[in-house]
Amino acid sequence: MSTGIPPPPASSSDPSKPPPSPQRLALASAYSGGGGSLLPRIAIAAVLVTLAIGAYAYFGQKPPVAAGEITHLTAYPIHRVSNSALAAEPRAAKVENTFDEIVVIAEVRLHNQSKGPLFLSDMYAVVSLPGEEHRSFAASAKDFNRVFVAYPELNPTKQQPLVRDTTIPAGETVAGQVIFNYPITKDQWDLRRSLDLTVSFLHQNDLTLPAPQ
């Protein structure tokens, strides 16, 4: 009795399925330990992505529309003492009233580094003291001149004022004085931590300038 010819061994691959791609073979080799570890490749890719994001953020950011500085600061302390008594009580003890104020004159320079005009809207300055802050808006054009009339000893420091509604053409620089006043004593002023001047523009972000100590 003939035993016949034995059948060929079954193939491990299914002829109906396409062969695996080189990318899948490489990935399988990496996971199985062949072709080097996958972790260094992931680390390199992460570094490249981080560098790309940083470059986009750096080169994609627009510079501020304006730059500036406070070139000089003058602080003029005012201290007054007055004695008063009630008119109906002429024999009453007199009451002593004190008045303290600091007039601050800031010399400011602003530069328009945008491609269009800038329109100055407002200006204010905040003085930071230990435990408290005081804000003062810039004196108007009329009050600016009144300060030098009331305190003529400040006249030698007087310059052109920097006023609201000033237009700064593209690429141009303007300079002038801005006056603020604070109801504090000279001793408090001397203990200040900082004074920051904020300039507001129409349709643009504010610009904050730290004052020299």
N, C-alpha and C. Protein backbone atom coordinates (compact mmCIF):
# COMPACT_ATOMS: atom_id res chain seq x y z
N MET A 1 0.87 -1.20 0.00
CA MET A 1 0.00 0.00 0.00
C MET A 1 0.89 1.22 0.00
N SER A 2 0.57 2.09 -0.93
CA SER A 2 1.41 3.29 -1.07
C SER A 2 1.01 4.34 -0.04
N THR A 3 2.02 4.93 0.52
CA THR A 3 1.75 6.00 1.53
C THR A 3 1.54 7.36 0.90
N GLY A 4 1.93 7.52 -0.37
CA GLY A 4 1.75 8.82 -1.02
C GLY A 4 2.82 9.84 -0.63
N ILE A 5 2.73 10.95 -1.24
CA ILE A 5 3.71 12.04 -1.01
C ILE A 5 3.18 12.95 0.08
N PRO A 6 3.96 13.20 1.12
CA PRO A 6 3.47 14.08 2.21
C PRO A 6 3.26 15.50 1.73
N PRO A 7 2.23 16.16 2.26
CA PRO A 7 1.97 17.56 1.82
C PRO A 7 3.07 18.49 2.31
N PRO A 8 3.30 19.59 1.58
CA PRO A 8 4.33 20.56 2.00
C PRO A 8 3.92 21.26 3.29
N PRO A 9 4.90 21.71 4.06
CA PRO A 9 4.57 22.40 5.32
C PRO A 9 3.81 23.69 5.06
N ALA A 10 2.87 23.94 5.98
CA ALA A 10 2.05 25.17 5.83
C ALA A 10 2.89 26.41 6.02
N SER A 11 2.66 27.43 5.20
CA SER A 11 3.41 28.70 5.31
C SER A 11 2.84 29.51 6.46
N SER A 12 3.73 30.21 7.14
CA SER A 12 3.30 31.04 8.29
C SER A 12 2.66 32.33 7.86
N SER A 13 2.81 32.71 6.58
CA SER A 13 2.24 33.97 6.10
C SER A 13 1.00 33.71 5.30
N ASP A 14 0.06 34.63 5.39
CA ASP A 14 -1.17 34.52 4.64
C ASP A 14 -0.99 35.21 3.31
N PRO A 15 -1.08 34.45 2.18
CA PRO A 15 -0.85 35.09 0.87
C PRO A 15 -1.87 36.15 0.55
N SER A 16 -3.00 36.16 1.26
CA SER A 16 -4.01 37.18 0.97
C SER A 16 -3.70 38.52 1.61
N LYS A 17 -2.73 38.58 2.54
CA LYS A 17 -2.37 39.82 3.23
C LYS A 17 -1.09 40.39 2.63
N PRO A 18 -1.01 41.74 2.47
CA PRO A 18 0.22 42.33 1.92
C PRO A 18 1.35 42.23 2.93
N PRO A 19 2.58 42.22 2.45
CA PRO A 19 3.72 42.16 3.37
C PRO A 19 3.80 43.43 4.21
N PRO A 20 4.35 43.36 5.41
CA PRO A 20 4.46 44.55 6.27
C PRO A 20 5.36 45.60 5.65
N SER A 21 5.02 46.90 5.92
CA SER A 21 5.81 47.99 5.36
C SER A 21 7.14 48.11 6.09
N PRO A 22 8.14 48.74 5.45
CA PRO A 22 9.43 48.94 6.12
C PRO A 22 9.30 49.74 7.41
N GLN A 23 8.33 50.72 7.46
CA GLN A 23 8.17 51.52 8.67
C GLN A 23 7.72 50.66 9.84
N ARG A 24 6.78 49.72 9.53
CA ARG A 24 6.30 48.85 10.62
C ARG A 24 7.38 47.89 11.06
N LEU A 25 8.20 47.43 10.12
CA LEU A 25 9.29 46.54 10.48
C LEU A 25 10.30 47.26 11.36
N ALA A 26 10.59 48.54 11.00
CA ALA A 26 11.55 49.30 11.79
C ALA A 26 11.02 49.55 13.19
N LEU A 27 9.71 49.87 13.27
CA LEU A 27 9.12 50.14 14.57
C LEU A 27 9.12 48.89 15.43
N ALA A 28 8.79 47.77 14.81
CA ALA A 28 8.80 46.51 15.56
C ALA A 28 10.20 46.16 16.00
N SER A 29 11.18 46.44 15.15
CA SER A 29 12.57 46.18 15.52
C SER A 29 13.00 47.04 16.68
N ALA A 30 12.52 48.32 16.69
CA ALA A 30 12.90 49.23 17.77
C ALA A 30 12.32 48.75 19.09
N TYR A 31 11.05 48.31 19.07
CA TYR A 31 10.43 47.85 20.30
C TYR A 31 11.03 46.54 20.79
N SER A 32 11.50 45.73 19.85
CA SER A 32 12.06 44.44 20.25
C SER A 32 13.52 44.52 20.62
N GLY A 33 14.11 45.71 20.49
CA GLY A 33 15.51 45.87 20.87
C GLY A 33 16.42 45.99 19.69
N GLY A 34 15.95 45.75 18.49
CA GLY A 34 16.79 45.87 17.31
C GLY A 34 16.76 47.28 16.79
N GLY A 35 17.82 47.70 16.11
CA GLY A 35 17.86 49.03 15.52
C GLY A 35 18.02 50.14 16.51
N GLY A 36 18.40 49.89 17.75
CA GLY A 36 18.62 50.93 18.75
C GLY A 36 17.35 51.21 19.53
N SER A 37 17.50 51.93 20.63
CA SER A 37 16.36 52.23 21.50
C SER A 37 15.51 53.34 20.91
N LEU A 38 14.21 53.30 21.21
CA LEU A 38 13.28 54.32 20.72
C LEU A 38 13.30 55.59 21.56
N LEU A 39 13.73 55.49 22.79
CA LEU A 39 13.69 56.65 23.69
C LEU A 39 14.54 57.81 23.20
N PRO A 40 15.78 57.60 22.74
CA PRO A 40 16.54 58.74 22.22
C PRO A 40 15.86 59.44 21.06
N ARG A 41 15.18 58.66 20.20
CA ARG A 41 14.49 59.28 19.07
C ARG A 41 13.34 60.16 19.54
N ILE A 42 12.61 59.66 20.55
CA ILE A 42 11.50 60.45 21.09
C ILE A 42 12.03 61.73 21.73
N ALA A 43 13.15 61.63 22.44
CA ALA A 43 13.73 62.82 23.09
C ALA A 43 14.17 63.84 22.05
N ILE A 44 14.80 63.39 20.98
CA ILE A 44 15.23 64.31 19.93
C ILE A 44 14.04 64.99 19.28
N ALA A 45 12.99 64.22 19.02
CA ALA A 45 11.79 64.81 18.42
C ALA A 45 11.17 65.86 19.33
N ALA A 46 11.15 65.56 20.64
CA ALA A 46 10.58 66.52 21.59
C ALA A 46 11.38 67.82 21.62
N VAL A 47 12.72 67.68 21.56
CA VAL A 47 13.57 68.87 21.55
C VAL A 47 13.32 69.70 20.29
N LEU A 48 13.19 69.05 19.15
CA LEU A 48 12.94 69.77 17.90
C LEU A 48 11.60 70.49 17.93
N VAL A 49 10.58 69.84 18.49
CA VAL A 49 9.28 70.49 18.59
C VAL A 49 9.34 71.70 19.51
N THR A 50 10.05 71.57 20.63
CA THR A 50 10.19 72.70 21.56
C THR A 50 10.91 73.87 20.91
N LEU A 51 11.98 73.58 20.16
CA LEU A 51 12.71 74.64 19.48
C LEU A 51 11.85 75.33 18.43
N ALA A 52 11.04 74.53 17.72
CA ALA A 52 10.17 75.11 16.70
C ALA A 52 9.13 76.04 17.32
N ILE A 53 8.55 75.61 18.46
CA ILE A 53 7.56 76.45 19.14
C ILE A 53 8.20 77.72 19.67
N GLY A 54 9.41 77.61 20.25
CA GLY A 54 10.10 78.79 20.75
C GLY A 54 10.44 79.76 19.64
N ALA A 55 10.88 79.25 18.49
CA ALA A 55 11.23 80.13 17.38
C ALA A 55 9.99 80.85 16.86
N TYR A 56 8.86 80.14 16.79
CA TYR A 56 7.63 80.76 16.33
C TYR A 56 7.18 81.87 17.28
N ALA A 57 7.28 81.58 18.58
CA ALA A 57 6.86 82.59 19.56
C ALA A 57 7.77 83.81 19.52
N TYR A 58 9.07 83.58 19.33
CA TYR A 58 10.04 84.69 19.34
C TYR A 58 9.88 85.56 18.11
N PHE A 59 9.85 84.93 16.94
CA PHE A 59 9.81 85.70 15.70
C PHE A 59 8.40 86.16 15.36
N GLY A 60 7.39 85.50 15.95
CA GLY A 60 6.03 85.88 15.65
C GLY A 60 5.51 87.04 16.49
N GLN A 61 6.17 87.34 17.61
CA GLN A 61 5.71 88.43 18.47
C GLN A 61 6.05 89.78 17.85
N LYS A 62 5.11 90.72 17.98
CA LYS A 62 5.35 92.06 17.50
C LYS A 62 5.94 92.90 18.63
N PRO A 63 6.87 93.79 18.33
CA PRO A 63 7.42 94.64 19.39
C PRO A 63 6.37 95.62 19.88
N PRO A 64 6.52 96.16 21.08
CA PRO A 64 5.57 97.17 21.58
C PRO A 64 5.51 98.36 20.63
N VAL A 65 4.34 99.00 20.58
CA VAL A 65 4.18 100.13 19.66
C VAL A 65 4.99 101.33 20.10
N ALA A 66 5.31 101.41 21.39
CA ALA A 66 6.03 102.57 21.91
C ALA A 66 7.08 102.15 22.91
N ALA A 67 8.11 102.95 22.99
CA ALA A 67 9.15 102.79 24.01
C ALA A 67 9.36 104.14 24.66
N GLY A 68 9.91 104.14 25.86
CA GLY A 68 10.12 105.42 26.52
C GLY A 68 10.91 105.29 27.79
N GLU A 69 11.14 106.43 28.42
CA GLU A 69 11.88 106.45 29.67
C GLU A 69 11.59 107.74 30.40
N ILE A 70 11.78 107.70 31.70
CA ILE A 70 11.74 108.90 32.54
C ILE A 70 13.19 109.35 32.72
N THR A 71 13.55 110.44 32.10
CA THR A 71 14.94 110.87 32.10
C THR A 71 15.33 111.61 33.38
N HIS A 72 14.36 112.22 34.04
CA HIS A 72 14.69 112.95 35.27
C HIS A 72 13.43 113.10 36.11
N LEU A 73 13.61 113.14 37.43
CA LEU A 73 12.50 113.25 38.36
C LEU A 73 12.84 114.32 39.40
N THR A 74 11.91 115.26 39.58
CA THR A 74 12.06 116.31 40.59
C THR A 74 10.91 116.21 41.58
N ALA A 75 11.24 116.10 42.85
CA ALA A 75 10.22 116.03 43.91
C ALA A 75 10.31 117.29 44.76
N TYR A 76 9.19 118.00 44.85
CA TYR A 76 9.14 119.26 45.61
C TYR A 76 8.19 119.07 46.80
N PRO A 77 8.74 118.98 48.03
CA PRO A 77 7.88 118.80 49.21
C PRO A 77 7.25 120.11 49.66
N ILE A 78 6.00 120.03 50.07
CA ILE A 78 5.26 121.20 50.57
C ILE A 78 4.78 120.86 51.98
N HIS A 79 5.08 121.75 52.93
CA HIS A 79 4.66 121.55 54.32
C HIS A 79 4.18 122.89 54.86
N ARG A 80 2.92 122.92 55.28
CA ARG A 80 2.33 124.14 55.82
C ARG A 80 1.71 123.85 57.17
N VAL A 81 1.80 124.84 58.05
CA VAL A 81 1.18 124.75 59.38
C VAL A 81 0.37 126.01 59.59
N SER A 82 -0.88 125.84 59.96
CA SER A 82 -1.75 126.99 60.21
C SER A 82 -2.49 126.80 61.52
N ASN A 83 -2.72 127.91 62.23
CA ASN A 83 -3.46 127.89 63.49
C ASN A 83 -4.81 128.54 63.26
N SER A 84 -5.86 127.91 63.74
CA SER A 84 -7.21 128.44 63.55
C SER A 84 -8.02 128.25 64.81
N ALA A 85 -9.03 129.12 64.97
CA ALA A 85 -9.95 129.02 66.11
C ALA A 85 -11.35 129.36 65.62
N LEU A 86 -12.35 128.87 66.33
CA LEU A 86 -13.72 129.15 65.95
C LEU A 86 -14.03 130.64 66.14
N ALA A 87 -14.68 131.24 65.14
CA ALA A 87 -15.00 132.67 65.22
C ALA A 87 -15.95 132.96 66.37
N ALA A 88 -16.86 132.03 66.68
CA ALA A 88 -17.83 132.25 67.76
C ALA A 88 -17.20 132.09 69.12
N GLU A 89 -16.05 131.49 69.19
CA GLU A 89 -15.37 131.28 70.46
C GLU A 89 -13.95 131.85 70.38
N PRO A 90 -13.82 133.16 70.49
CA PRO A 90 -12.49 133.77 70.34
C PRO A 90 -11.49 133.33 71.41
N ARG A 91 -12.01 132.89 72.56
CA ARG A 91 -11.10 132.48 73.63
C ARG A 91 -10.75 130.99 73.55
N ALA A 92 -11.34 130.30 72.58
CA ALA A 92 -11.07 128.87 72.45
C ALA A 92 -9.63 128.63 72.02
N ALA A 93 -9.12 127.48 72.41
CA ALA A 93 -7.74 127.16 72.05
C ALA A 93 -7.63 127.01 70.53
N LYS A 94 -6.54 127.49 70.01
CA LYS A 94 -6.32 127.40 68.58
C LYS A 94 -5.96 125.96 68.19
N VAL A 95 -6.40 125.58 67.02
CA VAL A 95 -6.14 124.24 66.48
C VAL A 95 -5.09 124.35 65.39
N GLU A 96 -4.07 123.52 65.51
CA GLU A 96 -2.99 123.53 64.53
C GLU A 96 -3.30 122.54 63.41
N ASN A 97 -3.30 123.05 62.18
CA ASN A 97 -3.55 122.22 61.00
C ASN A 97 -2.27 122.14 60.17
N THR A 98 -1.98 120.96 59.74
CA THR A 98 -0.80 120.77 58.89
C THR A 98 -1.23 120.28 57.51
N PHE A 99 -0.48 120.67 56.52
CA PHE A 99 -0.74 120.26 55.14
C PHE A 99 0.58 119.80 54.54
N ASP A 100 0.58 118.57 54.03
CA ASP A 100 1.77 118.02 53.39
C ASP A 100 1.41 117.51 52.00
N GLU A 101 2.32 117.75 51.09
CA GLU A 101 2.12 117.32 49.70
C GLU A 101 3.47 117.23 49.02
N ILE A 102 3.57 116.30 48.07
CA ILE A 102 4.76 116.18 47.24
C ILE A 102 4.35 116.44 45.80
N VAL A 103 4.94 117.44 45.19
CA VAL A 103 4.74 117.71 43.76
C VAL A 103 5.90 117.05 43.01
N VAL A 104 5.55 116.17 42.08
CA VAL A 104 6.54 115.42 41.32
C VAL A 104 6.50 115.86 39.86
N ILE A 105 7.66 116.28 39.36
CA ILE A 105 7.79 116.67 37.96
C ILE A 105 8.65 115.63 37.26
N ALA A 106 8.04 114.91 36.31
CA ALA A 106 8.75 113.85 35.58
C ALA A 106 9.04 114.32 34.16
N GLU A 107 10.28 114.20 33.78
CA GLU A 107 10.67 114.49 32.40
C GLU A 107 10.65 113.17 31.62
N VAL A 108 9.78 113.12 30.61
CA VAL A 108 9.47 111.87 29.92
C VAL A 108 9.82 111.98 28.44
N ARG A 109 10.34 110.87 27.91
CA ARG A 109 10.61 110.77 26.47
C ARG A 109 9.88 109.53 25.93
N LEU A 110 9.10 109.71 24.85
CA LEU A 110 8.34 108.63 24.23
C LEU A 110 8.73 108.51 22.77
N HIS A 111 8.89 107.26 22.32
CA HIS A 111 9.26 107.00 20.92
C HIS A 111 8.24 106.06 20.29
N ASN A 112 7.72 106.46 19.14
CA ASN A 112 6.77 105.64 18.40
C ASN A 112 7.55 104.70 17.48
N GLN A 113 7.55 103.40 17.81
CA GLN A 113 8.27 102.44 16.99
C GLN A 113 7.33 101.56 16.16
N SER A 114 6.11 102.07 15.94
CA SER A 114 5.17 101.38 15.07
C SER A 114 5.17 102.03 13.69
N LYS A 115 4.33 101.51 12.81
CA LYS A 115 4.26 102.02 11.44
C LYS A 115 3.13 103.03 11.25
N GLY A 116 2.45 103.36 12.33
CA GLY A 116 1.36 104.33 12.25
C GLY A 116 1.45 105.33 13.39
N PRO A 117 0.63 106.36 13.39
CA PRO A 117 0.67 107.37 14.46
C PRO A 117 0.13 106.81 15.76
N LEU A 118 0.61 107.36 16.87
CA LEU A 118 0.12 107.03 18.20
C LEU A 118 -0.57 108.25 18.78
N PHE A 119 -1.68 108.00 19.48
CA PHE A 119 -2.46 109.09 20.06
C PHE A 119 -2.45 108.94 21.58
N LEU A 120 -1.78 109.86 22.24
CA LEU A 120 -1.63 109.80 23.69
C LEU A 120 -2.98 110.16 24.33
N SER A 121 -3.47 109.26 25.18
CA SER A 121 -4.78 109.45 25.78
C SER A 121 -4.72 109.98 27.20
N ASP A 122 -3.90 109.35 28.05
CA ASP A 122 -3.85 109.75 29.45
C ASP A 122 -2.55 109.30 30.07
N MET A 123 -2.26 109.83 31.26
CA MET A 123 -1.04 109.48 32.00
C MET A 123 -1.34 109.52 33.49
N TYR A 124 -0.85 108.52 34.20
CA TYR A 124 -0.95 108.53 35.65
C TYR A 124 0.28 107.83 36.22
N ALA A 125 0.55 108.11 37.49
CA ALA A 125 1.71 107.52 38.15
C ALA A 125 1.31 107.00 39.52
N VAL A 126 1.86 105.86 39.88
CA VAL A 126 1.58 105.22 41.17
C VAL A 126 2.86 105.17 41.97
N VAL A 127 2.82 105.74 43.17
CA VAL A 127 3.95 105.67 44.07
C VAL A 127 3.65 104.60 45.11
N SER A 128 4.59 103.67 45.27
CA SER A 128 4.42 102.56 46.22
C SER A 128 5.22 102.86 47.48
N LEU A 129 4.50 102.91 48.60
CA LEU A 129 5.09 103.13 49.91
C LEU A 129 4.96 101.84 50.72
N PRO A 130 5.66 101.74 51.82
CA PRO A 130 5.49 100.55 52.67
C PRO A 130 4.04 100.44 53.15
N GLY A 131 3.32 99.44 52.67
CA GLY A 131 1.95 99.21 53.11
C GLY A 131 0.87 99.98 52.41
N GLU A 132 1.20 100.84 51.44
CA GLU A 132 0.16 101.60 50.76
C GLU A 132 0.66 102.10 49.41
N GLU A 133 -0.30 102.48 48.56
CA GLU A 133 0.00 103.05 47.25
C GLU A 133 -0.85 104.29 47.04
N HIS A 134 -0.31 105.23 46.25
CA HIS A 134 -1.05 106.45 45.91
C HIS A 134 -0.96 106.65 44.40
N ARG A 135 -2.12 106.93 43.80
CA ARG A 135 -2.17 107.18 42.36
C ARG A 135 -2.51 108.64 42.08
N SER A 136 -1.85 109.21 41.09
CA SER A 136 -2.12 110.58 40.70
C SER A 136 -2.16 110.68 39.19
N PHE A 137 -3.19 111.33 38.66
CA PHE A 137 -3.26 111.56 37.22
C PHE A 137 -2.50 112.84 36.88
N ALA A 138 -1.98 112.87 35.67
CA ALA A 138 -1.16 114.01 35.26
C ALA A 138 -1.97 115.30 35.27
N ALA A 139 -1.31 116.38 35.65
CA ALA A 139 -1.96 117.69 35.67
C ALA A 139 -2.33 118.10 34.25
N SER A 140 -3.45 118.79 34.12
CA SER A 140 -3.87 119.29 32.81
C SER A 140 -2.95 120.42 32.36
N ALA A 141 -3.13 120.87 31.14
CA ALA A 141 -2.28 121.94 30.62
C ALA A 141 -2.42 123.21 31.46
N LYS A 142 -3.65 123.53 31.91
CA LYS A 142 -3.85 124.73 32.74
C LYS A 142 -3.20 124.55 34.11
N ASP A 143 -3.43 123.37 34.73
CA ASP A 143 -2.86 123.15 36.06
C ASP A 143 -1.33 123.08 35.99
N PHE A 144 -0.81 122.63 34.88
CA PHE A 144 0.65 122.58 34.72
C PHE A 144 1.24 123.97 34.92
N ASN A 145 0.68 124.97 34.28
CA ASN A 145 1.20 126.34 34.42
C ASN A 145 0.91 126.91 35.80
N ARG A 146 -0.23 126.53 36.40
CA ARG A 146 -0.57 127.05 37.72
C ARG A 146 0.42 126.58 38.79
N VAL A 147 0.99 125.39 38.60
CA VAL A 147 1.96 124.88 39.57
C VAL A 147 3.17 125.81 39.64
N PHE A 148 3.63 126.29 38.51
CA PHE A 148 4.81 127.16 38.49
C PHE A 148 4.48 128.58 38.94
N VAL A 149 3.20 128.96 38.85
CA VAL A 149 2.78 130.25 39.40
C VAL A 149 2.70 130.16 40.92
N ALA A 150 2.16 129.05 41.42
CA ALA A 150 2.03 128.88 42.88
C ALA A 150 3.37 128.66 43.55
N TYR A 151 4.28 128.03 42.84
CA TYR A 151 5.60 127.74 43.40
C TYR A 151 6.68 128.24 42.44
N PRO A 152 6.92 129.55 42.45
CA PRO A 152 7.86 130.14 41.49
C PRO A 152 9.29 129.60 41.62
N GLU A 153 9.62 129.02 42.76
CA GLU A 153 10.95 128.46 42.92
C GLU A 153 11.19 127.27 41.98
N LEU A 154 10.10 126.74 41.40
CA LEU A 154 10.23 125.63 40.45
C LEU A 154 10.46 126.12 39.01
N ASN A 155 10.34 127.41 38.77
CA ASN A 155 10.47 127.93 37.42
C ASN A 155 11.78 127.55 36.71
N PRO A 156 12.92 127.51 37.42
CA PRO A 156 14.15 127.11 36.71
C PRO A 156 14.11 125.71 36.13
N THR A 157 13.20 124.86 36.62
CA THR A 157 13.12 123.48 36.11
C THR A 157 12.06 123.34 35.02
N LYS A 158 11.31 124.40 34.73
CA LYS A 158 10.18 124.31 33.81
C LYS A 158 10.63 124.05 32.38
N GLN A 159 9.94 123.09 31.74
CA GLN A 159 10.17 122.77 30.33
C GLN A 159 8.81 122.63 29.63
N GLN A 160 8.85 122.24 28.37
CA GLN A 160 7.63 122.04 27.61
C GLN A 160 6.84 120.88 28.21
N PRO A 161 5.53 121.05 28.44
CA PRO A 161 4.74 119.95 29.00
C PRO A 161 4.44 118.88 27.95
N LEU A 162 4.28 117.66 28.42
CA LEU A 162 3.77 116.56 27.59
C LEU A 162 2.31 116.39 27.97
N VAL A 163 1.42 116.73 27.06
CA VAL A 163 0.00 116.81 27.40
C VAL A 163 -0.79 115.71 26.72
N ARG A 164 -2.01 115.53 27.19
CA ARG A 164 -2.92 114.57 26.58
C ARG A 164 -3.26 114.99 25.15
N ASP A 165 -3.71 114.04 24.38
CA ASP A 165 -4.10 114.24 22.98
C ASP A 165 -2.91 114.58 22.08
N THR A 166 -1.72 114.30 22.56
CA THR A 166 -0.55 114.47 21.72
C THR A 166 -0.50 113.35 20.68
N THR A 167 -0.20 113.70 19.43
CA THR A 167 -0.04 112.71 18.37
C THR A 167 1.45 112.51 18.09
N ILE A 168 1.87 111.26 18.11
CA ILE A 168 3.27 110.93 17.85
C ILE A 168 3.33 110.22 16.49
N PRO A 169 3.88 110.86 15.46
CA PRO A 169 3.96 110.21 14.15
C PRO A 169 4.84 108.97 14.20
N ALA A 170 4.68 108.12 13.22
CA ALA A 170 5.47 106.88 13.14
C ALA A 170 6.96 107.21 13.09
N GLY A 171 7.71 106.54 13.95
CA GLY A 171 9.15 106.72 13.99
C GLY A 171 9.64 107.97 14.68
N GLU A 172 8.72 108.78 15.22
CA GLU A 172 9.10 110.05 15.85
C GLU A 172 9.19 109.90 17.37
N THR A 173 9.84 110.88 18.00
CA THR A 173 10.02 110.91 19.46
C THR A 173 9.52 112.25 19.99
N VAL A 174 8.82 112.21 21.10
CA VAL A 174 8.38 113.44 21.77
C VAL A 174 8.90 113.41 23.20
N ALA A 175 9.07 114.60 23.76
CA ALA A 175 9.56 114.71 25.13
C ALA A 175 8.88 115.89 25.82
N GLY A 176 8.72 115.79 27.12
CA GLY A 176 8.11 116.88 27.87
C GLY A 176 7.97 116.52 29.33
N GLN A 177 7.45 117.46 30.09
CA GLN A 177 7.28 117.27 31.52
C GLN A 177 5.84 116.90 31.86
N VAL A 178 5.71 116.07 32.88
CA VAL A 178 4.41 115.68 33.41
C VAL A 178 4.44 115.90 34.92
N ILE A 179 3.37 116.49 35.47
CA ILE A 179 3.33 116.82 36.90
C ILE A 179 2.28 115.96 37.61
N PHE A 180 2.69 115.41 38.76
CA PHE A 180 1.80 114.65 39.63
C PHE A 180 1.91 115.22 41.05
N ASN A 181 0.89 114.96 41.86
CA ASN A 181 0.97 115.39 43.26
C ASN A 181 0.40 114.30 44.17
N TYR A 182 1.00 114.17 45.36
CA TYR A 182 0.61 113.12 46.30
C TYR A 182 0.48 113.72 47.70
N PRO A 183 -0.57 113.36 48.44
CA PRO A 183 -0.78 113.88 49.79
C PRO A 183 0.06 113.11 50.82
N ILE A 184 1.35 113.20 50.68
CA ILE A 184 2.26 112.48 51.59
C ILE A 184 3.35 113.44 52.05
N THR A 185 4.04 113.05 53.10
CA THR A 185 5.13 113.88 53.62
C THR A 185 6.43 113.55 52.90
N LYS A 186 7.43 114.38 53.13
CA LYS A 186 8.74 114.14 52.54
C LYS A 186 9.34 112.85 53.08
N ASP A 187 9.13 112.60 54.38
CA ASP A 187 9.67 111.36 54.97
C ASP A 187 9.05 110.13 54.30
N GLN A 188 7.74 110.19 54.01
CA GLN A 188 7.11 109.08 53.31
C GLN A 188 7.68 108.92 51.90
N TRP A 189 7.87 110.05 51.23
CA TRP A 189 8.43 110.00 49.87
C TRP A 189 9.82 109.38 49.87
N ASP A 190 10.60 109.71 50.85
CA ASP A 190 11.96 109.17 50.91
C ASP A 190 11.97 107.66 51.15
N LEU A 191 10.87 107.13 51.70
CA LEU A 191 10.78 105.68 51.95
C LEU A 191 10.09 104.93 50.80
N ARG A 192 9.81 105.62 49.71
CA ARG A 192 9.08 104.98 48.60
C ARG A 192 9.85 103.78 48.06
N ARG A 193 9.10 102.80 47.60
CA ARG A 193 9.69 101.62 46.98
C ARG A 193 9.85 101.80 45.48
N SER A 194 8.89 102.50 44.88
CA SER A 194 8.96 102.72 43.44
C SER A 194 7.95 103.77 43.04
N LEU A 195 8.14 104.29 41.83
CA LEU A 195 7.15 105.15 41.19
C LEU A 195 7.09 104.73 39.73
N ASP A 196 5.90 104.29 39.30
CA ASP A 196 5.71 103.81 37.93
C ASP A 196 4.72 104.72 37.21
N LEU A 197 5.14 105.21 36.05
CA LEU A 197 4.31 106.09 35.25
C LEU A 197 3.71 105.28 34.10
N THR A 198 2.40 105.33 33.96
CA THR A 198 1.71 104.60 32.90
C THR A 198 1.16 105.58 31.87
N VAL A 199 1.49 105.33 30.61
CA VAL A 199 1.02 106.14 29.49
C VAL A 199 -0.01 105.32 28.72
N SER A 200 -1.19 105.89 28.51
CA SER A 200 -2.25 105.21 27.78
C SER A 200 -2.39 105.80 26.38
N PHE A 201 -2.55 104.90 25.39
CA PHE A 201 -2.75 105.31 24.01
C PHE A 201 -4.13 104.84 23.55
N LEU A 202 -4.68 105.56 22.57
CA LEU A 202 -5.93 105.12 21.98
C LEU A 202 -5.70 103.87 21.14
N HIS A 203 -6.49 102.83 21.38
CA HIS A 203 -6.48 101.59 20.59
C HIS A 203 -5.16 100.83 20.67
N GLN A 204 -4.34 101.11 21.68
CA GLN A 204 -3.07 100.41 21.84
C GLN A 204 -2.88 100.08 23.31
N ASN A 205 -1.95 99.17 23.59
CA ASN A 205 -1.66 98.80 24.96
C ASN A 205 -0.95 99.92 25.71
N ASP A 206 -1.13 99.95 27.03
CA ASP A 206 -0.47 100.94 27.86
C ASP A 206 1.03 100.69 27.91
N LEU A 207 1.76 101.74 28.21
CA LEU A 207 3.21 101.67 28.39
C LEU A 207 3.53 102.14 29.80
N THR A 208 4.19 101.30 30.60
CA THR A 208 4.56 101.64 31.97
C THR A 208 6.05 101.88 32.06
N LEU A 209 6.42 103.03 32.65
CA LEU A 209 7.82 103.42 32.75
C LEU A 209 8.21 103.53 34.22
N PRO A 210 9.22 102.81 34.67
CA PRO A 210 9.69 102.96 36.05
C PRO A 210 10.53 104.22 36.20
N ALA A 211 10.33 104.92 37.28
CA ALA A 211 11.09 106.14 37.52
C ALA A 211 12.39 105.83 38.23
N PRO A 212 13.44 106.60 37.95
CA PRO A 212 14.70 106.40 38.68
C PRO A 212 14.51 106.75 40.14
N GLN A 213 15.19 106.00 41.00
CA GLN A 213 15.09 106.24 42.44
C GLN A 213 15.97 107.44 42.84
